[in-house]
Amino acid sequence: MLNEELLEQLQEEKELHDYDYHSGHPALYVGTYGKYNGGSLDGMWVDLTTFSDYDDFMDFCHLLHHDEEDPEFMFQDYENFPRELYAESMSRKDWEKLSVYIELSDNDREVFDAYVELRGWDDDLTWEWVSDMYQGKFDDEEDFARHIVEECYYDEVRGFLGDYFDYERFARDLFLSDYDFNDGHVFCNRI
């Protein structure tokens, strides 16, 4: 039986780490293999942005499953991070890869997700690489083409040339090989 102090600590920790579905934060459902094999899905959705490091996360998992002597944690589901970063039995190494993603701002995670959706996953993929390839968010491909022309030829476009420039065709040419567009995000294709 748990003493009052431990119960109070557990309640406080649950409130701190409880996952809000509307937040869009990376989250895991934390259960155990013992409970699962016994027919129970008892566990909790946990907001991963609320932990300072792997040890802090594991301390909470132990507190959450205090009713088992030596719990073997089972991360039964995940939300709001790439599949490639998910591990059913999260090791310290798995956490380190995931923590880079967790520490990104909401906007940066959106950019990272758009890049992964376009290009797929590579174990060497880093935020630095993605941010270097990122050109910004635009309404559509033609909006990006206008941006490029205005950046390079502002004085000429602002006047006479702007009325005659075919942004639609220029956008088509840009996105044939030099750039990719996904959900408003534009990425360069340089290697």
Protein backbone atom coordinates (compact mmCIF):
# COMPACT_ATOMS: atom_id res chain seq x y z
CA MET A 1 0.00 0.00 0.00
CA LEU A 2 1.23 3.48 -0.85
CA ASN A 3 1.67 6.04 1.85
CA GLU A 4 -0.07 9.42 1.62
CA GLU A 5 3.12 11.25 0.62
CA LEU A 6 3.81 8.93 -2.33
CA LEU A 7 0.18 9.17 -3.49
CA GLU A 8 0.37 12.94 -3.39
CA GLN A 9 3.64 12.92 -5.34
CA LEU A 10 2.13 10.58 -7.93
CA GLN A 11 -0.89 12.84 -8.39
CA GLU A 12 1.29 15.95 -8.77
CA GLU A 13 3.56 14.21 -11.29
CA LYS A 14 0.58 12.91 -13.28
CA GLU A 15 -0.83 16.42 -13.55
CA LEU A 16 2.55 17.78 -14.63
CA HIS A 17 3.16 15.17 -17.35
CA ASP A 18 -0.41 14.51 -18.50
CA TYR A 19 -0.79 14.84 -22.27
CA ASP A 20 -3.21 17.41 -23.66
CA TYR A 21 -4.40 16.16 -27.05
CA HIS A 22 -4.83 19.71 -28.31
CA SER A 23 -1.22 20.70 -27.63
CA GLY A 24 0.35 18.92 -30.59
CA HIS A 25 3.29 17.96 -28.36
CA PRO A 26 5.14 14.67 -28.85
CA ALA A 27 3.65 12.02 -26.55
CA LEU A 28 3.91 8.33 -25.61
CA TYR A 29 1.45 5.97 -24.00
CA VAL A 30 3.38 4.43 -21.10
CA GLY A 31 2.33 0.95 -19.98
CA THR A 32 4.26 -2.18 -19.03
CA TYR A 33 4.74 -5.57 -20.62
CA GLY A 34 3.60 -7.22 -17.38
CA LYS A 35 0.26 -5.44 -17.39
CA TYR A 36 -0.17 -5.94 -21.12
CA ASN A 37 0.52 -9.67 -20.89
CA GLY A 38 -1.96 -9.83 -18.02
CA GLY A 39 -4.66 -8.27 -20.21
CA SER A 40 -4.43 -4.71 -18.89
CA LEU A 41 -3.71 -1.55 -20.85
CA ASP A 42 -3.31 0.44 -17.63
CA GLY A 43 -0.99 3.35 -18.29
CA MET A 44 -1.03 6.99 -19.27
CA TRP A 45 -0.47 9.31 -22.22
CA VAL A 46 2.62 11.35 -21.32
CA ASP A 47 3.67 14.72 -22.75
CA LEU A 48 7.36 14.28 -23.59
CA THR A 49 8.07 18.02 -23.59
CA THR A 50 7.67 18.05 -19.80
CA PHE A 51 10.88 16.11 -19.08
CA SER A 52 14.38 17.50 -18.77
CA ASP A 53 16.13 14.27 -19.75
CA TYR A 54 15.87 10.48 -20.03
CA ASP A 55 16.42 9.89 -16.32
CA ASP A 56 13.62 12.32 -15.43
CA PHE A 57 11.32 10.49 -17.86
CA MET A 58 12.23 7.06 -16.48
CA ASP A 59 11.77 8.25 -12.89
CA PHE A 60 8.22 9.25 -13.77
CA CYS A 61 7.58 5.91 -15.51
CA HIS A 62 8.70 4.08 -12.35
CA LEU A 63 6.47 6.25 -10.19
CA LEU A 64 3.53 5.73 -12.57
CA HIS A 65 3.95 1.95 -12.40
CA HIS A 66 4.93 1.77 -8.72
CA ASP A 67 2.65 -1.25 -8.31
CA GLU A 68 5.17 -3.48 -10.11
CA GLU A 69 8.41 -4.48 -8.42
CA ASP A 70 10.58 -4.28 -11.55
CA PRO A 71 8.41 -2.87 -14.36
CA GLU A 72 9.46 -3.45 -17.96
CA PHE A 73 8.07 -0.39 -19.70
CA MET A 74 6.10 -0.73 -22.89
CA PHE A 75 5.50 2.41 -24.91
CA GLN A 76 2.34 1.21 -26.60
CA ASP A 77 1.58 4.15 -28.87
CA TYR A 78 2.96 7.52 -29.92
CA GLU A 79 1.69 10.82 -31.26
CA ASN A 80 3.10 13.93 -32.91
CA PHE A 81 6.54 12.73 -33.89
CA PRO A 82 7.92 10.76 -36.84
CA ARG A 83 7.38 6.98 -36.77
CA GLU A 84 11.10 6.50 -37.23
CA LEU A 85 11.75 7.97 -33.77
CA TYR A 86 9.31 5.62 -32.01
CA ALA A 87 10.53 2.60 -30.03
CA GLU A 88 8.25 0.28 -28.07
CA SER A 89 11.06 -0.23 -25.53
CA MET A 90 12.74 3.17 -25.39
CA SER A 91 16.44 3.03 -24.59
CA ARG A 92 18.62 5.98 -23.62
CA LYS A 93 19.94 6.07 -27.21
CA ASP A 94 16.36 6.13 -28.59
CA TRP A 95 15.51 8.97 -26.19
CA GLU A 96 18.55 10.99 -27.29
CA LYS A 97 17.43 10.85 -30.93
CA LEU A 98 13.86 11.72 -29.97
CA SER A 99 14.91 14.52 -27.60
CA VAL A 100 16.38 16.53 -30.49
CA TYR A 101 12.92 16.54 -32.05
CA ILE A 102 11.16 17.20 -28.73
CA GLU A 103 13.29 20.28 -28.08
CA LEU A 104 12.26 21.92 -31.37
CA SER A 105 9.63 24.63 -31.24
CA ASP A 106 6.15 23.75 -32.50
CA ASN A 107 6.86 25.63 -35.74
CA ASP A 108 10.21 23.88 -36.24
CA ARG A 109 8.58 20.47 -35.66
CA GLU A 110 6.03 21.35 -38.36
CA VAL A 111 8.89 22.17 -40.76
CA PHE A 112 10.75 18.98 -39.83
CA ASP A 113 7.61 16.87 -40.38
CA ALA A 114 7.00 18.48 -43.78
CA TYR A 115 10.58 17.68 -44.79
CA VAL A 116 10.32 14.04 -43.64
CA GLU A 117 7.01 13.65 -45.47
CA LEU A 118 8.65 14.91 -48.68
CA ARG A 119 12.01 13.21 -48.53
CA GLY A 120 11.57 10.32 -46.14
CA TRP A 121 13.67 9.42 -43.14
CA ASP A 122 17.40 8.98 -42.93
CA ASP A 123 19.19 8.09 -39.66
CA ASP A 124 21.67 10.89 -40.36
CA LEU A 125 18.93 13.50 -40.70
CA THR A 126 19.43 16.48 -38.40
CA TRP A 127 17.51 19.65 -37.70
CA GLU A 128 20.52 21.62 -38.94
CA TRP A 129 20.22 19.92 -42.34
CA VAL A 130 16.46 20.50 -42.57
CA SER A 131 16.73 24.15 -41.52
CA ASP A 132 19.53 24.70 -44.05
CA MET A 133 17.28 23.36 -46.84
CA TYR A 134 14.22 25.28 -45.65
CA GLN A 135 13.27 28.35 -47.67
CA GLY A 136 10.15 29.44 -45.80
CA LYS A 137 6.40 29.10 -45.83
CA PHE A 138 4.39 30.36 -48.79
CA ASP A 139 0.79 30.26 -49.99
CA ASP A 140 1.69 28.21 -53.05
CA GLU A 141 4.48 27.61 -55.56
CA GLU A 142 3.68 30.79 -57.47
CA ASP A 143 3.91 32.82 -54.25
CA PHE A 144 7.43 31.44 -53.77
CA ALA A 145 8.31 32.30 -57.40
CA ARG A 146 7.19 35.90 -56.77
CA HIS A 147 9.37 35.96 -53.66
CA ILE A 148 12.43 34.79 -55.62
CA VAL A 149 11.90 37.34 -58.38
CA GLU A 150 11.35 40.17 -55.91
CA GLU A 151 14.45 39.15 -53.93
CA CYS A 152 16.68 39.11 -57.01
CA TYR A 153 15.16 41.78 -59.22
CA TYR A 154 13.19 44.02 -56.88
CA ASP A 155 13.68 47.33 -58.70
CA GLU A 156 12.94 45.89 -62.14
CA VAL A 157 9.91 43.86 -60.99
CA ARG A 158 8.40 46.72 -59.03
CA GLY A 159 8.18 48.71 -62.21
CA PHE A 160 7.74 47.73 -65.82
CA LEU A 161 8.95 44.10 -65.68
CA GLY A 162 6.46 42.99 -63.01
CA ASP A 163 3.52 43.40 -65.36
CA TYR A 164 5.05 41.05 -67.93
CA PHE A 165 6.63 38.35 -65.80
CA ASP A 166 4.98 34.90 -65.98
CA TYR A 167 5.16 33.75 -62.36
CA GLU A 168 3.15 30.59 -63.00
CA ARG A 169 5.63 29.27 -65.59
CA PHE A 170 8.61 30.37 -63.52
CA ALA A 171 7.19 28.53 -60.49
CA ARG A 172 6.70 25.39 -62.58
CA ASP A 173 10.35 25.54 -63.68
CA LEU A 174 11.61 26.17 -60.15
CA PHE A 175 9.74 23.17 -58.74
CA LEU A 176 10.73 20.79 -61.54
CA SER A 177 14.15 20.26 -59.99
CA ASP A 178 15.38 23.00 -57.66
CA TYR A 179 12.69 23.10 -54.95
CA ASP A 180 9.99 20.98 -53.30
CA PHE A 181 6.71 22.23 -51.83
CA ASN A 182 4.76 20.54 -49.02
CA ASP A 183 1.84 22.08 -47.15
CA GLY A 184 3.18 25.60 -47.69
CA HIS A 185 6.78 24.73 -46.82
CA VAL A 186 9.47 25.10 -49.49
CA PHE A 187 12.74 23.16 -49.41
CA CYS A 188 15.77 23.49 -51.65
CA ASN A 189 16.97 20.37 -53.49
CA ARG A 190 20.69 21.06 -53.36
CA ILE A 191 22.94 18.23 -52.27
